[in-house]
Amino acid sequence: MSVPRARILDLMKAQCQLFSTTFNPDGIRTGNKILRQRLKGPSVVSYYPRKMVTFRDFQKEFEHLQLFVENDEEADRLEHVAGRKARGKGAPKKKNGPPSMLPIRCLQGNLC
């Protein structure tokens, strides 16, 4: 002898109330499994080190006093880039203007 579905649903509802779970008789995906998990934000934030003061921040802080502070690392980098550019090893020039129209070939292979 089988038990009526309504009786089983009442039993499931009572079970869910007793154990503090979500009553979902149709098995619809609700995302409840994800929502029960521990938040990942605090652990991700604590993984990366805090932002340190950079040389540029230091320069901005004393800019109102009109003090010139030279950044040796940046000067070395610029000198290195200039040397590479002089040897022809620098970055290519950026394109200026709109893209040019490429010739369109006809079906015979000749230019139209």
N, C-alpha and C. Protein backbone atom coordinates (compact mmCIF):
# COMPACT_ATOMS: atom_id res chain seq x y z
N MET A 1 0.84 -1.18 0.00
CA MET A 1 0.00 0.00 0.00
C MET A 1 0.89 1.24 0.00
N SER A 2 0.61 2.19 -0.91
CA SER A 2 1.46 3.37 -1.02
C SER A 2 0.90 4.52 -0.19
N VAL A 3 1.80 5.40 0.19
CA VAL A 3 1.43 6.55 1.01
C VAL A 3 1.11 7.71 0.06
N PRO A 4 0.02 8.46 0.34
CA PRO A 4 -0.32 9.58 -0.54
C PRO A 4 0.78 10.65 -0.54
N ARG A 5 0.94 11.32 -1.71
CA ARG A 5 2.00 12.33 -1.88
C ARG A 5 1.83 13.49 -0.90
N ALA A 6 0.62 13.90 -0.62
CA ALA A 6 0.38 15.02 0.31
C ALA A 6 0.92 14.70 1.70
N ARG A 7 0.79 13.45 2.11
CA ARG A 7 1.29 13.04 3.44
C ARG A 7 2.81 13.09 3.47
N ILE A 8 3.46 12.66 2.38
CA ILE A 8 4.92 12.71 2.30
C ILE A 8 5.42 14.16 2.31
N LEU A 9 4.69 15.04 1.59
CA LEU A 9 5.08 16.46 1.57
C LEU A 9 4.94 17.10 2.95
N ASP A 10 3.89 16.75 3.68
CA ASP A 10 3.73 17.25 5.05
C ASP A 10 4.88 16.78 5.94
N LEU A 11 5.27 15.53 5.76
CA LEU A 11 6.39 14.98 6.54
C LEU A 11 7.70 15.71 6.19
N MET A 12 7.91 15.96 4.88
CA MET A 12 9.12 16.69 4.46
C MET A 12 9.14 18.11 5.00
N LYS A 13 7.96 18.77 5.02
CA LYS A 13 7.88 20.14 5.53
C LYS A 13 8.22 20.18 7.02
N ALA A 14 7.69 19.21 7.78
CA ALA A 14 8.00 19.14 9.21
C ALA A 14 9.48 18.85 9.43
N GLN A 15 10.05 17.99 8.60
CA GLN A 15 11.47 17.66 8.71
C GLN A 15 12.34 18.90 8.44
N CYS A 16 11.95 19.68 7.45
CA CYS A 16 12.71 20.90 7.11
C CYS A 16 12.62 21.94 8.22
N GLN A 17 11.47 22.06 8.84
CA GLN A 17 11.33 22.99 9.96
C GLN A 17 12.16 22.53 11.15
N LEU A 18 12.19 21.25 11.40
CA LEU A 18 12.92 20.70 12.53
C LEU A 18 14.43 20.87 12.37
N PHE A 19 14.94 20.62 11.18
CA PHE A 19 16.39 20.67 10.96
C PHE A 19 16.87 21.97 10.31
N SER A 20 15.98 22.95 10.20
CA SER A 20 16.30 24.27 9.63
C SER A 20 16.91 24.17 8.24
N THR A 21 16.25 23.44 7.37
CA THR A 21 16.68 23.35 5.98
C THR A 21 15.59 23.94 5.10
N THR A 22 15.89 24.14 3.84
CA THR A 22 14.94 24.74 2.91
C THR A 22 13.99 23.68 2.37
N PHE A 23 12.71 23.99 2.41
CA PHE A 23 11.70 23.08 1.88
C PHE A 23 11.59 23.32 0.38
N ASN A 24 11.96 22.32 -0.40
CA ASN A 24 11.95 22.45 -1.85
C ASN A 24 11.46 21.12 -2.45
N PRO A 25 10.13 20.90 -2.46
CA PRO A 25 9.63 19.60 -2.91
C PRO A 25 9.82 19.36 -4.41
N ASP A 26 9.91 20.41 -5.21
CA ASP A 26 10.03 20.24 -6.66
C ASP A 26 11.48 20.08 -7.10
N GLY A 27 12.44 20.29 -6.21
CA GLY A 27 13.85 20.16 -6.56
C GLY A 27 14.35 21.27 -7.47
N ILE A 28 13.77 22.45 -7.35
CA ILE A 28 14.17 23.59 -8.18
C ILE A 28 15.51 24.11 -7.69
N ARG A 29 16.38 24.50 -8.65
CA ARG A 29 17.70 25.03 -8.27
C ARG A 29 17.53 26.42 -7.68
N THR A 30 17.93 26.59 -6.43
CA THR A 30 17.74 27.87 -5.74
C THR A 30 19.05 28.56 -5.40
N GLY A 31 20.19 27.87 -5.55
CA GLY A 31 21.46 28.47 -5.18
C GLY A 31 21.70 28.44 -3.68
N ASN A 32 20.92 27.69 -2.97
CA ASN A 32 21.02 27.64 -1.52
C ASN A 32 22.36 27.07 -1.05
N LYS A 33 22.90 26.15 -1.82
CA LYS A 33 24.20 25.54 -1.47
C LYS A 33 25.30 26.60 -1.48
N ILE A 34 25.27 27.47 -2.48
CA ILE A 34 26.27 28.53 -2.59
C ILE A 34 26.07 29.57 -1.49
N LEU A 35 24.82 29.92 -1.21
CA LEU A 35 24.54 30.95 -0.21
C LEU A 35 24.91 30.51 1.20
N ARG A 36 24.92 29.20 1.47
CA ARG A 36 25.30 28.70 2.79
C ARG A 36 26.80 28.71 3.01
N GLN A 37 27.59 28.77 1.94
CA GLN A 37 29.05 28.71 2.08
C GLN A 37 29.59 29.97 2.74
N ARG A 38 30.78 29.81 3.33
CA ARG A 38 31.45 30.91 3.98
C ARG A 38 31.89 31.93 2.94
N LEU A 39 31.84 33.22 3.26
CA LEU A 39 32.24 34.27 2.33
C LEU A 39 33.73 34.21 2.06
N LYS A 40 34.12 34.43 0.80
CA LYS A 40 35.52 34.33 0.41
C LYS A 40 36.23 35.68 0.43
N GLY A 41 35.51 36.77 0.49
CA GLY A 41 36.10 38.11 0.41
C GLY A 41 37.18 38.39 1.44
N PRO A 42 36.94 38.15 2.74
CA PRO A 42 37.96 38.45 3.74
C PRO A 42 39.24 37.66 3.54
N SER A 43 39.14 36.39 3.13
CA SER A 43 40.36 35.60 2.95
C SER A 43 41.13 36.06 1.72
N VAL A 44 40.44 36.50 0.68
CA VAL A 44 41.12 37.01 -0.52
C VAL A 44 41.82 38.32 -0.20
N VAL A 45 41.16 39.18 0.56
CA VAL A 45 41.76 40.47 0.92
C VAL A 45 42.99 40.27 1.79
N SER A 46 42.95 39.32 2.70
CA SER A 46 44.09 39.11 3.58
C SER A 46 45.24 38.42 2.86
N TYR A 47 45.00 37.81 1.69
CA TYR A 47 46.06 37.12 0.95
C TYR A 47 47.06 38.12 0.36
N TYR A 48 46.56 39.23 -0.18
CA TYR A 48 47.43 40.21 -0.81
C TYR A 48 47.95 41.20 0.23
N PRO A 49 49.20 41.64 0.09
CA PRO A 49 49.73 42.61 1.05
C PRO A 49 49.08 43.98 0.88
N ARG A 50 49.13 44.76 1.93
CA ARG A 50 48.54 46.09 1.86
C ARG A 50 49.37 46.97 0.92
N LYS A 51 48.72 47.97 0.31
CA LYS A 51 49.39 48.84 -0.63
C LYS A 51 50.38 49.74 0.12
N MET A 52 51.60 49.75 -0.39
CA MET A 52 52.64 50.57 0.23
C MET A 52 52.66 51.93 -0.45
N VAL A 53 53.30 52.90 0.19
CA VAL A 53 53.44 54.24 -0.38
C VAL A 53 54.46 54.16 -1.51
N THR A 54 54.12 54.70 -2.68
CA THR A 54 55.02 54.69 -3.81
C THR A 54 55.78 56.01 -3.89
N PHE A 55 56.78 56.02 -4.74
CA PHE A 55 57.57 57.24 -4.91
C PHE A 55 56.72 58.36 -5.49
N ARG A 56 55.81 58.00 -6.36
CA ARG A 56 54.93 59.01 -6.97
C ARG A 56 54.04 59.64 -5.90
N ASP A 57 53.55 58.86 -4.94
CA ASP A 57 52.76 59.41 -3.83
C ASP A 57 53.61 60.37 -3.00
N PHE A 58 54.86 60.02 -2.81
CA PHE A 58 55.80 60.88 -2.06
C PHE A 58 55.99 62.21 -2.78
N GLN A 59 56.14 62.16 -4.11
CA GLN A 59 56.31 63.39 -4.88
C GLN A 59 55.07 64.26 -4.81
N LYS A 60 53.88 63.67 -4.90
CA LYS A 60 52.64 64.44 -4.84
C LYS A 60 52.46 65.10 -3.48
N GLU A 61 52.92 64.43 -2.43
CA GLU A 61 52.76 64.97 -1.08
C GLU A 61 53.56 66.26 -0.90
N PHE A 62 54.75 66.33 -1.51
CA PHE A 62 55.61 67.50 -1.34
C PHE A 62 55.58 68.43 -2.55
N GLU A 63 54.60 68.25 -3.44
CA GLU A 63 54.50 69.08 -4.63
C GLU A 63 54.16 70.52 -4.29
N HIS A 64 53.33 70.73 -3.29
CA HIS A 64 52.94 72.09 -2.93
C HIS A 64 54.12 72.90 -2.39
N LEU A 65 55.16 72.25 -1.89
CA LEU A 65 56.36 72.95 -1.42
C LEU A 65 57.34 73.25 -2.56
N GLN A 66 57.00 72.82 -3.77
CA GLN A 66 57.82 73.01 -4.96
C GLN A 66 59.22 72.43 -4.79
N LEU A 67 59.28 71.26 -4.16
CA LEU A 67 60.55 70.55 -4.01
C LEU A 67 60.68 69.55 -5.17
N PHE A 68 61.86 69.50 -5.78
CA PHE A 68 62.11 68.56 -6.86
C PHE A 68 62.84 67.36 -6.28
N VAL A 69 62.22 66.21 -6.37
CA VAL A 69 62.82 64.98 -5.89
C VAL A 69 62.97 64.06 -7.09
N GLU A 70 64.21 63.63 -7.36
CA GLU A 70 64.47 62.82 -8.54
C GLU A 70 64.30 61.34 -8.20
N ASN A 71 63.64 60.65 -9.09
CA ASN A 71 63.44 59.21 -8.95
C ASN A 71 64.53 58.51 -9.75
N ASP A 72 65.51 57.94 -9.07
CA ASP A 72 66.64 57.31 -9.76
C ASP A 72 66.21 56.11 -10.59
N GLU A 73 65.30 55.32 -10.08
CA GLU A 73 64.84 54.13 -10.82
C GLU A 73 64.15 54.54 -12.12
N GLU A 74 63.33 55.59 -12.06
CA GLU A 74 62.63 56.03 -13.27
C GLU A 74 63.61 56.63 -14.27
N ALA A 75 64.60 57.37 -13.78
CA ALA A 75 65.62 57.94 -14.67
C ALA A 75 66.42 56.83 -15.35
N ASP A 76 66.77 55.78 -14.61
CA ASP A 76 67.49 54.64 -15.20
C ASP A 76 66.63 53.94 -16.25
N ARG A 77 65.35 53.81 -15.98
CA ARG A 77 64.45 53.16 -16.93
C ARG A 77 64.35 53.97 -18.22
N LEU A 78 64.20 55.28 -18.09
CA LEU A 78 64.10 56.13 -19.27
C LEU A 78 65.40 56.10 -20.08
N GLU A 79 66.54 56.06 -19.39
CA GLU A 79 67.83 55.98 -20.08
C GLU A 79 67.94 54.64 -20.84
N HIS A 80 67.48 53.58 -20.22
CA HIS A 80 67.52 52.26 -20.84
C HIS A 80 66.63 52.24 -22.10
N VAL A 81 65.43 52.84 -22.00
CA VAL A 81 64.50 52.89 -23.13
C VAL A 81 65.09 53.70 -24.27
N ALA A 82 65.74 54.83 -23.94
CA ALA A 82 66.36 55.67 -24.96
C ALA A 82 67.49 54.92 -25.66
N GLY A 83 68.27 54.15 -24.92
CA GLY A 83 69.35 53.36 -25.52
C GLY A 83 68.82 52.30 -26.46
N ARG A 84 67.74 51.63 -26.06
CA ARG A 84 67.14 50.61 -26.94
C ARG A 84 66.57 51.25 -28.20
N LYS A 85 65.97 52.43 -28.04
CA LYS A 85 65.39 53.12 -29.19
C LYS A 85 66.48 53.54 -30.16
N ALA A 86 67.64 53.96 -29.64
CA ALA A 86 68.75 54.39 -30.49
C ALA A 86 69.30 53.21 -31.30
N ARG A 87 69.23 52.00 -30.75
CA ARG A 87 69.71 50.82 -31.46
C ARG A 87 68.63 50.22 -32.36
N GLY A 88 67.43 50.81 -32.35
CA GLY A 88 66.35 50.30 -33.18
C GLY A 88 65.58 49.17 -32.54
N LYS A 89 65.71 49.00 -31.23
CA LYS A 89 65.05 47.90 -30.52
C LYS A 89 63.84 48.38 -29.69
N GLY A 90 63.47 49.64 -29.85
CA GLY A 90 62.38 50.20 -29.03
C GLY A 90 61.02 49.74 -29.50
N ALA A 91 60.01 50.20 -28.81
CA ALA A 91 58.63 49.87 -29.15
C ALA A 91 58.26 50.54 -30.47
N PRO A 92 57.41 49.91 -31.28
CA PRO A 92 57.02 50.54 -32.55
C PRO A 92 56.16 51.76 -32.30
N LYS A 93 56.16 52.65 -33.31
CA LYS A 93 55.35 53.86 -33.18
C LYS A 93 53.88 53.50 -33.25
N LYS A 94 53.08 54.27 -32.55
CA LYS A 94 51.64 54.05 -32.59
C LYS A 94 51.09 54.64 -33.87
N LYS A 95 50.03 54.03 -34.38
CA LYS A 95 49.44 54.46 -35.63
C LYS A 95 48.66 55.74 -35.40
N ASN A 96 48.78 56.69 -36.35
CA ASN A 96 48.04 57.95 -36.26
C ASN A 96 46.95 57.96 -37.32
N GLY A 97 45.78 58.46 -37.00
CA GLY A 97 44.71 58.61 -37.96
C GLY A 97 43.86 57.38 -38.10
N PRO A 98 42.84 57.50 -39.00
CA PRO A 98 41.93 56.37 -39.19
C PRO A 98 42.60 55.27 -40.01
N PRO A 99 42.05 54.07 -39.97
CA PRO A 99 42.64 52.98 -40.74
C PRO A 99 42.50 53.25 -42.24
N SER A 100 43.51 52.87 -43.01
CA SER A 100 43.48 53.10 -44.45
C SER A 100 42.61 52.05 -45.12
N MET A 101 42.10 52.41 -46.27
CA MET A 101 41.26 51.49 -47.04
C MET A 101 42.15 50.54 -47.82
N LEU A 102 41.98 49.26 -47.64
CA LEU A 102 42.73 48.27 -48.39
C LEU A 102 42.05 48.04 -49.75
N PRO A 103 42.83 47.83 -50.82
CA PRO A 103 42.20 47.62 -52.13
C PRO A 103 41.38 46.33 -52.12
N ILE A 104 40.21 46.39 -52.72
CA ILE A 104 39.33 45.25 -52.79
C ILE A 104 39.52 44.58 -54.14
N ARG A 105 39.76 43.30 -54.16
CA ARG A 105 39.98 42.57 -55.40
C ARG A 105 38.66 42.06 -55.97
N CYS A 106 38.58 42.11 -57.28
CA CYS A 106 37.38 41.60 -57.96
C CYS A 106 37.49 40.07 -58.04
N LEU A 107 36.46 39.47 -58.56
CA LEU A 107 36.43 38.01 -58.67
C LEU A 107 37.50 37.47 -59.61
N GLN A 108 37.91 38.26 -60.66
CA GLN A 108 38.91 37.78 -61.60
C GLN A 108 40.32 37.87 -61.03
N GLY A 109 40.52 38.56 -59.93
CA GLY A 109 41.84 38.71 -59.33
C GLY A 109 42.47 40.05 -59.67
N ASN A 110 41.83 40.86 -60.48
CA ASN A 110 42.37 42.19 -60.81
C ASN A 110 41.83 43.21 -59.82
N LEU A 111 42.54 44.34 -59.70
CA LEU A 111 42.06 45.40 -58.86
C LEU A 111 40.91 46.08 -59.55
N CYS A 112 39.89 46.45 -58.82
CA CYS A 112 38.72 47.10 -59.42
C CYS A 112 38.98 48.58 -59.64
